[in-house]
Protein backbone atom coordinates (compact mmCIF):
# COMPACT_ATOMS: atom_id res chain seq x y z
CA MET A 1 19.13 4.14 -3.08
CA LYS A 2 21.98 1.88 -2.16
CA LYS A 3 24.25 0.61 -4.87
CA ILE A 4 24.46 -2.92 -3.32
CA PHE A 5 21.78 -5.19 -4.44
CA LEU A 6 20.64 -8.82 -3.74
CA PHE A 7 19.22 -10.87 -6.42
CA ILE A 8 16.89 -13.79 -5.55
CA ALA A 9 15.22 -16.35 -8.06
CA ILE A 10 11.87 -17.43 -6.92
CA PHE A 11 10.16 -20.17 -9.09
CA SER A 12 6.46 -21.07 -9.42
CA LEU A 13 4.62 -23.12 -11.75
CA ASN A 14 3.65 -20.20 -14.03
CA PHE A 15 6.66 -17.71 -13.77
CA VAL A 16 9.90 -16.92 -12.53
CA VAL A 17 10.68 -13.84 -10.43
CA ILE A 18 13.95 -12.23 -10.26
CA ALA A 19 13.80 -10.17 -7.10
CA GLN A 20 16.14 -7.40 -6.84
CA THR A 21 16.17 -5.91 -3.36
CA SER A 22 17.49 -2.78 -1.94
CA THR A 23 16.34 0.34 0.37
CA LEU A 24 14.82 3.58 -0.09
CA LYS A 25 14.44 6.59 2.30
CA ASP A 26 11.61 8.99 2.62
CA ILE A 27 11.67 12.78 3.41
CA ASP A 28 11.38 11.92 7.21
CA GLY A 29 14.40 9.34 7.14
CA ASN A 30 12.20 6.31 7.13
CA VAL A 31 14.07 3.40 5.43
CA TYR A 32 11.87 0.95 3.23
CA LYS A 33 12.86 -2.34 1.61
CA THR A 34 12.09 -2.38 -2.10
CA ILE A 35 11.61 -5.34 -4.48
CA LYS A 36 11.81 -5.83 -8.30
CA ILE A 37 8.84 -7.76 -9.70
CA GLY A 38 9.19 -8.23 -13.36
CA ASN A 39 10.23 -4.80 -14.92
CA GLN A 40 8.57 -2.86 -12.02
CA ILE A 41 10.28 -1.84 -8.76
CA TRP A 42 8.06 -1.37 -5.69
CA MET A 43 8.31 -0.44 -1.99
CA ALA A 44 8.07 -3.69 0.04
CA GLU A 45 6.64 -1.87 2.85
CA ASN A 46 3.78 0.40 3.37
CA LEU A 47 4.36 4.17 3.34
CA ILE A 48 4.64 5.88 7.06
CA THR A 49 5.54 9.38 6.19
CA ASP A 50 3.53 12.27 7.58
CA ARG A 51 5.06 14.98 5.19
CA PHE A 52 4.91 15.57 1.55
CA ASN A 53 8.13 15.31 -0.39
CA ASN A 54 8.54 19.29 -0.19
CA GLY A 55 8.56 19.05 3.68
CA ASN A 56 4.93 20.40 4.18
CA ASP A 57 3.05 18.45 7.04
CA ILE A 58 0.17 16.09 6.12
CA THR A 59 -2.13 16.78 9.00
CA THR A 60 -4.33 14.10 10.97
CA THR A 61 -7.61 14.93 12.46
CA ASP A 62 -8.41 15.86 16.22
CA PRO A 63 -9.86 13.66 17.41
CA ILE A 64 -8.88 10.83 15.16
CA SER A 65 -12.62 9.65 14.74
CA LEU A 66 -13.57 13.42 13.34
CA ASP A 67 -16.20 12.92 10.74
CA ILE A 68 -14.66 14.27 7.50
CA SER A 69 -17.50 13.03 4.98
CA LYS A 70 -18.84 16.59 4.42
CA GLU A 71 -15.47 18.23 3.72
CA ASP A 72 -14.27 19.32 0.36
CA ASN A 73 -10.98 17.66 -0.57
CA PRO A 74 -9.98 16.27 2.82
CA MET A 75 -6.32 15.94 3.06
CA TYR A 76 -5.19 13.71 6.00
CA GLN A 77 -3.37 10.85 7.26
CA TRP A 78 -3.95 8.54 10.18
CA ILE A 79 -2.04 5.70 12.30
CA TYR A 80 -4.52 2.85 12.71
CA PRO A 81 -5.61 3.24 16.55
CA ASP A 82 -4.42 0.79 19.37
CA VAL A 83 -1.59 -0.81 17.23
CA ASP A 84 1.69 -0.84 18.72
CA THR A 85 3.57 0.41 15.69
CA SER A 86 6.90 -0.18 17.30
CA LYS A 87 6.46 -3.86 16.87
CA VAL A 88 4.05 -3.87 13.97
CA LYS A 89 5.02 -1.54 10.96
CA ILE A 90 1.83 -1.21 9.35
CA GLY A 91 2.36 2.39 7.78
CA ARG A 92 -0.21 5.16 7.66
CA LEU A 93 -3.60 5.57 5.98
CA TYR A 94 -4.18 8.33 3.65
CA THR A 95 -7.13 9.97 1.90
CA TRP A 96 -6.93 9.92 -1.84
CA TYR A 97 -6.54 13.85 -1.88
CA ALA A 98 -3.32 13.54 0.07
CA VAL A 99 -2.12 10.75 -2.25
CA THR A 100 -2.53 12.81 -5.43
CA ASP A 101 -1.57 16.16 -3.99
CA PHE A 102 0.94 18.19 -6.38
CA ARG A 103 3.57 18.29 -3.47
CA LYS A 104 4.01 14.51 -3.92
CA LEU A 105 3.65 11.76 -1.27
CA CYS A 106 6.39 9.51 -2.52
CA PRO A 107 10.06 10.22 -2.51
CA LYS A 108 11.73 11.79 -5.51
CA GLY A 109 11.96 9.39 -8.22
CA TRP A 110 8.97 7.48 -7.11
CA HIS A 111 5.07 7.75 -7.62
CA VAL A 112 1.95 6.49 -6.29
CA PRO A 113 1.01 3.61 -8.62
CA THR A 114 -1.61 4.32 -11.23
CA ASP A 115 -4.27 1.76 -11.91
CA SER A 116 -2.24 0.71 -15.04
CA ASP A 117 0.84 0.09 -12.80
CA TRP A 118 -1.28 -2.34 -10.73
CA ASN A 119 -2.60 -4.04 -13.74
CA THR A 120 0.87 -4.65 -14.96
CA LEU A 121 1.89 -6.27 -11.45
CA THR A 122 -1.22 -8.35 -11.19
CA SER A 123 -0.91 -9.64 -14.79
CA TYR A 124 2.69 -10.67 -14.23
CA LEU A 125 1.68 -12.54 -11.38
CA GLY A 126 -0.91 -14.60 -13.08
CA GLY A 127 -4.06 -12.48 -12.83
CA ASP A 128 -6.32 -11.15 -10.28
CA SER A 129 -7.75 -14.52 -9.04
CA VAL A 130 -4.20 -15.77 -7.87
CA ALA A 131 -2.05 -12.62 -7.54
CA GLY A 132 -3.19 -11.75 -3.86
CA ALA A 133 -1.61 -15.01 -2.51
CA LYS A 134 1.58 -14.17 -4.16
CA LEU A 135 1.71 -10.67 -2.88
CA LYS A 136 0.82 -11.30 0.71
CA GLU A 137 3.18 -11.74 3.64
CA THR A 138 2.90 -15.35 5.00
CA GLY A 139 2.17 -16.55 8.46
CA GLU A 140 -0.18 -15.37 11.03
CA ASP A 141 2.14 -12.72 12.57
CA LYS A 142 0.31 -9.85 10.72
CA TRP A 143 -2.59 -11.53 9.05
CA TYR A 144 -5.77 -12.99 10.74
CA GLY A 145 -6.38 -16.55 10.88
CA SER A 146 -4.22 -19.24 9.26
CA ASN A 147 -3.42 -17.16 6.27
CA GLU A 148 -2.84 -20.35 4.36
CA THR A 149 -3.26 -18.87 0.90
CA SER A 150 -0.28 -16.60 1.28
CA THR A 151 3.09 -17.53 -0.47
CA ASN A 152 4.62 -13.95 -0.91
CA GLU A 153 6.48 -15.49 -3.68
CA SER A 154 6.63 -11.99 -5.18
CA GLY A 155 8.46 -10.38 -2.12
CA PHE A 156 5.73 -7.59 -2.31
CA THR A 157 4.99 -8.61 1.47
CA ALA A 158 1.47 -6.98 1.60
CA ILE A 159 0.45 -6.51 5.21
CA PRO A 160 -3.24 -5.95 6.49
CA GLY A 161 -3.19 -2.17 7.51
CA GLY A 162 -7.04 -1.81 7.27
CA TYR A 163 -8.60 1.52 6.25
CA ARG A 164 -10.59 4.57 7.73
CA TYR A 165 -14.07 5.26 6.63
CA PRO A 166 -14.94 9.11 6.04
CA ILE A 167 -17.39 9.03 9.11
CA GLY A 168 -14.29 8.36 11.47
CA THR A 169 -14.32 4.52 12.07
CA PHE A 170 -11.33 2.25 11.47
CA SER A 171 -11.77 -1.24 10.27
CA GLY A 172 -10.11 -4.27 8.49
CA TYR A 173 -6.66 -4.35 10.43
CA ARG A 174 -5.23 -7.84 10.24
CA ARG A 175 -7.92 -8.63 7.61
CA ASP A 176 -7.53 -6.28 4.61
CA ALA A 177 -4.71 -4.80 2.95
CA SER A 178 -6.04 -2.00 0.69
CA PHE A 179 -3.87 0.29 -1.37
CA TRP A 180 -4.86 3.53 -3.28
CA THR A 181 -4.05 3.99 -7.04
CA SER A 182 -3.51 7.72 -8.29
CA THR A 183 -6.37 7.04 -11.13
CA GLU A 184 -9.33 8.78 -10.68
CA SER A 185 -12.85 7.24 -11.36
CA LYS A 186 -16.03 9.33 -11.80
CA GLY A 187 -17.36 11.91 -9.36
CA ASN A 188 -15.64 11.59 -5.89
CA TYR A 189 -14.54 8.13 -6.55
CA ALA A 190 -10.85 6.62 -7.12
CA PHE A 191 -9.55 3.06 -7.96
CA TYR A 192 -7.83 1.08 -5.41
CA ARG A 193 -6.52 -2.59 -4.91
CA SER A 194 -7.52 -4.81 -1.85
CA LEU A 195 -6.26 -8.16 -0.62
CA ASN A 196 -8.23 -10.44 2.00
CA TYR A 197 -6.96 -12.80 4.69
CA ASN A 198 -8.99 -15.67 3.50
CA ASN A 199 -8.52 -16.01 -0.15
CA LYS A 200 -5.93 -15.60 -3.18
CA ASN A 201 -7.50 -12.89 -4.91
CA ILE A 202 -6.68 -9.21 -5.45
CA TYR A 203 -9.73 -7.02 -5.91
CA LYS A 204 -9.99 -4.02 -8.17
CA ASP A 205 -12.69 -1.35 -7.29
CA VAL A 206 -13.54 2.22 -6.68
CA TYR A 207 -14.21 3.93 -3.58
CA ASN A 208 -14.86 7.43 -2.15
CA LYS A 209 -11.90 9.60 -2.09
CA ALA A 210 -12.30 10.57 1.49
CA LEU A 211 -11.47 6.82 2.49
CA ALA A 212 -8.01 6.31 4.14
CA PHE A 213 -6.14 3.44 2.57
CA SER A 214 -2.42 2.31 2.63
CA VAL A 215 0.08 3.22 0.04
CA ARG A 216 2.99 1.68 -1.77
CA CYS A 217 5.17 3.64 -4.09
CA ILE A 218 6.63 2.39 -7.31
CA MET A 219 9.71 3.76 -8.97
CA ASN A 220 9.42 6.11 -12.05
């Protein structure tokens, strides 16, 4: 990580965020902005690597619409189809099995956030009913509709990368920003967080591990 930092004070009615920005590289050489929110340092962009931290490839399906719902431990990544990624850096979508593999998805010194990490973030931002607006990128460039609820006062800059169902269909681009946690629930389910284009909330729920969501890494 670079040694030069930029400190930005962002004020709201309920809290003050001291945003410490820098950059981070993954194993593929992709560069990400980072942001300090409270006592945590997060990626401020969605993960886009197609390799584990040890250099092993994370495969995709051929075709991208392949049904993986019957597979055991499907470990894949995809780029959302028909999106010009040279203009919109939405990152890749990963199954939970890829997210939690022992070879590690995040760069050294970083990890996929736990459910507790997300709880800390949303609590700092005032709770689940308002934190979504403070996490989402402003404007209509990436988010569908007017996106009037977004302030991005945290600097997290969440963008709606959508998701992929296990049966092979994609949905949610420009409408939903959904992020895996590394925390397992019961059976084939794990916890995730989701933000929607038309409200201020951040939602906590569980979903099938074969679903593919975006990923943000957090510093150890």
